[in-house]
Amino acid sequence: MPIPEGAHIVDSSVNTQGRNVQVAVNYRTSLSVEAVLKYYEAQAAKRGWVATRGTAADGAKSISLGFGDDSMVATVRTAPTGATTVAAFGSYVVGK
């Protein structure tokens, strides 16, 4: 799961079951919400994935990335401190 350089990981987890891997990570960054969304669009383009932006009910921005059996979604918002916080979750199938 790509994470912008300089981001501070708050917590993360990995769960595996056979060839299925699920990854969750929460992090803070000094990048703006828009810069984080553009970062994920660029990462999707590098991998040949499709990226789709959205807006959550609370106004947070989200971006979904996917290709084949692999997918990732990141919810991005500005914290009261001014930092940008990101909650990302990915589901991947590894190996052959």
C-alpha atoms as a PDB file:
ATOM      1  CA  MET A   1       0.000   0.000   0.000  1.00  0.00           C
ATOM      2  CA  PRO A   2       1.591   3.284  -1.014  1.00  0.00           C
ATOM      3  CA  ILE A   3       2.034   5.982   1.626  1.00  0.00           C
ATOM      4  CA  PRO A   4       3.399   9.473   0.858  1.00  0.00           C
ATOM      5  CA  GLU A   5       6.975  10.173   1.904  1.00  0.00           C
ATOM      6  CA  GLY A   6       7.201  11.907   5.277  1.00  0.00           C
ATOM      7  CA  ALA A   7       3.849  10.577   6.523  1.00  0.00           C
ATOM      8  CA  HIS A   8       3.622   9.619  10.195  1.00  0.00           C
ATOM      9  CA  ILE A   9       1.946   6.231  10.676  1.00  0.00           C
ATOM     10  CA  VAL A  10      -0.386   6.289  13.687  1.00  0.00           C
ATOM     11  CA  ASP A  11      -1.361   2.616  13.512  1.00  0.00           C
ATOM     12  CA  SER A  12      -1.527  -0.238  11.053  1.00  0.00           C
ATOM     13  CA  SER A  13      -2.577  -3.852  10.743  1.00  0.00           C
ATOM     14  CA  VAL A  14      -2.189  -6.770   8.336  1.00  0.00           C
ATOM     15  CA  ASN A  15      -4.437  -9.805   8.093  1.00  0.00           C
ATOM     16  CA  THR A  16      -3.761 -12.784   5.848  1.00  0.00           C
ATOM     17  CA  GLN A  17      -5.899 -15.719   4.875  1.00  0.00           C
ATOM     18  CA  GLY A  18      -4.406 -17.914   2.211  1.00  0.00           C
ATOM     19  CA  ARG A  19      -3.557 -15.673  -0.745  1.00  0.00           C
ATOM     20  CA  ASN A  20      -5.757 -12.829   0.513  1.00  0.00           C
ATOM     21  CA  VAL A  21      -4.065  -9.971   2.347  1.00  0.00           C
ATOM     22  CA  GLN A  22      -5.868  -7.072   4.005  1.00  0.00           C
ATOM     23  CA  VAL A  23      -3.928  -4.003   5.098  1.00  0.00           C
ATOM     24  CA  ALA A  24      -5.178  -1.052   7.147  1.00  0.00           C
ATOM     25  CA  VAL A  25      -3.154   2.033   7.999  1.00  0.00           C
ATOM     26  CA  ASN A  26      -3.948   5.383   9.611  1.00  0.00           C
ATOM     27  CA  TYR A  27      -1.469   8.195   9.144  1.00  0.00           C
ATOM     28  CA  ARG A  28      -0.948  11.964   9.370  1.00  0.00           C
ATOM     29  CA  THR A  29       0.770  14.093   6.783  1.00  0.00           C
ATOM     30  CA  SER A  30       1.574  17.741   6.179  1.00  0.00           C
ATOM     31  CA  LEU A  31       0.248  17.380   2.616  1.00  0.00           C
ATOM     32  CA  SER A  32      -3.117  18.965   1.845  1.00  0.00           C
ATOM     33  CA  VAL A  33      -6.182  16.799   1.251  1.00  0.00           C
ATOM     34  CA  GLU A  34      -5.954  17.605  -2.462  1.00  0.00           C
ATOM     35  CA  ALA A  35      -2.242  16.669  -2.585  1.00  0.00           C
ATOM     36  CA  VAL A  36      -2.975  13.289  -0.959  1.00  0.00           C
ATOM     37  CA  LEU A  37      -5.728  12.595  -3.501  1.00  0.00           C
ATOM     38  CA  LYS A  38      -3.389  13.530  -6.370  1.00  0.00           C
ATOM     39  CA  TYR A  39      -0.675  11.296  -4.854  1.00  0.00           C
ATOM     40  CA  TYR A  40      -3.030   8.302  -4.975  1.00  0.00           C
ATOM     41  CA  GLU A  41      -4.162   9.149  -8.514  1.00  0.00           C
ATOM     42  CA  ALA A  42      -0.498   9.158  -9.584  1.00  0.00           C
ATOM     43  CA  GLN A  43       0.136   5.844  -7.793  1.00  0.00           C
ATOM     44  CA  ALA A  44      -2.888   4.313  -9.537  1.00  0.00           C
ATOM     45  CA  ALA A  45      -1.664   5.526 -12.947  1.00  0.00           C
ATOM     46  CA  LYS A  46       1.795   3.990 -12.353  1.00  0.00           C
ATOM     47  CA  ARG A  47       0.172   0.610 -11.694  1.00  0.00           C
ATOM     48  CA  GLY A  48      -2.453   0.775 -14.421  1.00  0.00           C
ATOM     49  CA  TRP A  49      -5.220   0.926 -11.792  1.00  0.00           C
ATOM     50  CA  VAL A  50      -8.477   2.888 -11.936  1.00  0.00           C
ATOM     51  CA  ALA A  51      -8.904   5.716  -9.394  1.00  0.00           C
ATOM     52  CA  THR A  52     -12.276   7.190  -8.416  1.00  0.00           C
ATOM     53  CA  ARG A  53     -12.817  10.127  -6.058  1.00  0.00           C
ATOM     54  CA  GLY A  54     -15.788  10.496  -3.744  1.00  0.00           C
ATOM     55  CA  THR A  55     -17.091  12.436  -0.757  1.00  0.00           C
ATOM     56  CA  ALA A  56     -18.225  10.821   2.497  1.00  0.00           C
ATOM     57  CA  ALA A  57     -21.402  11.893   4.295  1.00  0.00           C
ATOM     58  CA  ASP A  58     -19.333  13.918   6.791  1.00  0.00           C
ATOM     59  CA  GLY A  59     -17.600  15.808   3.977  1.00  0.00           C
ATOM     60  CA  ALA A  60     -14.316  13.863   4.077  1.00  0.00           C
ATOM     61  CA  LYS A  61     -12.825  13.097   0.690  1.00  0.00           C
ATOM     62  CA  SER A  62     -12.178   9.546  -0.430  1.00  0.00           C
ATOM     63  CA  ILE A  63     -10.421   7.817  -3.257  1.00  0.00           C
ATOM     64  CA  SER A  64     -10.870   4.231  -4.382  1.00  0.00           C
ATOM     65  CA  LEU A  65      -8.218   2.431  -6.405  1.00  0.00           C
ATOM     66  CA  GLY A  66      -8.598  -0.933  -8.036  1.00  0.00           C
ATOM     67  CA  PHE A  67      -7.523  -3.413 -10.627  1.00  0.00           C
ATOM     68  CA  GLY A  68      -8.640  -7.019 -10.895  1.00  0.00           C
ATOM     69  CA  ASP A  69      -8.858  -8.612  -7.449  1.00  0.00           C
ATOM     70  CA  ASP A  70      -6.879  -5.807  -5.756  1.00  0.00           C
ATOM     71  CA  SER A  71      -8.491  -2.715  -4.280  1.00  0.00           C
ATOM     72  CA  MET A  72      -7.736   0.115  -1.902  1.00  0.00           C
ATOM     73  CA  VAL A  73      -9.723   3.003  -0.438  1.00  0.00           C
ATOM     74  CA  ALA A  74      -8.409   6.029   1.438  1.00  0.00           C
ATOM     75  CA  THR A  75     -10.532   8.502   3.401  1.00  0.00           C
ATOM     76  CA  VAL A  76      -8.806  11.872   3.760  1.00  0.00           C
ATOM     77  CA  ARG A  77      -9.770  14.755   6.044  1.00  0.00           C
ATOM     78  CA  THR A  78      -8.289  17.800   7.758  1.00  0.00           C
ATOM     79  CA  ALA A  79      -7.950  17.391  11.535  1.00  0.00           C
ATOM     80  CA  PRO A  80      -8.664  20.286  13.932  1.00  0.00           C
ATOM     81  CA  THR A  81      -4.873  20.623  14.319  1.00  0.00           C
ATOM     82  CA  GLY A  82      -4.570  21.387  10.603  1.00  0.00           C
ATOM     83  CA  ALA A  83      -2.823  18.101   9.801  1.00  0.00           C
ATOM     84  CA  THR A  84      -4.266  15.880   7.107  1.00  0.00           C
ATOM     85  CA  THR A  85      -5.341  12.471   8.407  1.00  0.00           C
ATOM     86  CA  VAL A  86      -5.754   9.420   6.223  1.00  0.00           C
ATOM     87  CA  ALA A  87      -7.467   6.104   6.940  1.00  0.00           C
ATOM     88  CA  ALA A  88      -6.562   3.601   4.216  1.00  0.00           C
ATOM     89  CA  PHE A  89      -7.637   0.014   3.672  1.00  0.00           C
ATOM     90  CA  GLY A  90      -6.441  -2.371   0.982  1.00  0.00           C
ATOM     91  CA  SER A  91      -7.439  -5.865  -0.045  1.00  0.00           C
ATOM     92  CA  TYR A  92      -4.995  -7.775  -2.238  1.00  0.00           C
ATOM     93  CA  VAL A  93      -4.560 -11.258  -3.687  1.00  0.00           C
ATOM     94  CA  VAL A  94      -0.905 -12.317  -3.703  1.00  0.00           C
ATOM     95  CA  GLY A  95       1.003 -15.154  -5.312  1.00  0.00           C
ATOM     96  CA  LYS A  96      -0.097 -17.427  -8.106  1.00  0.00           C
END
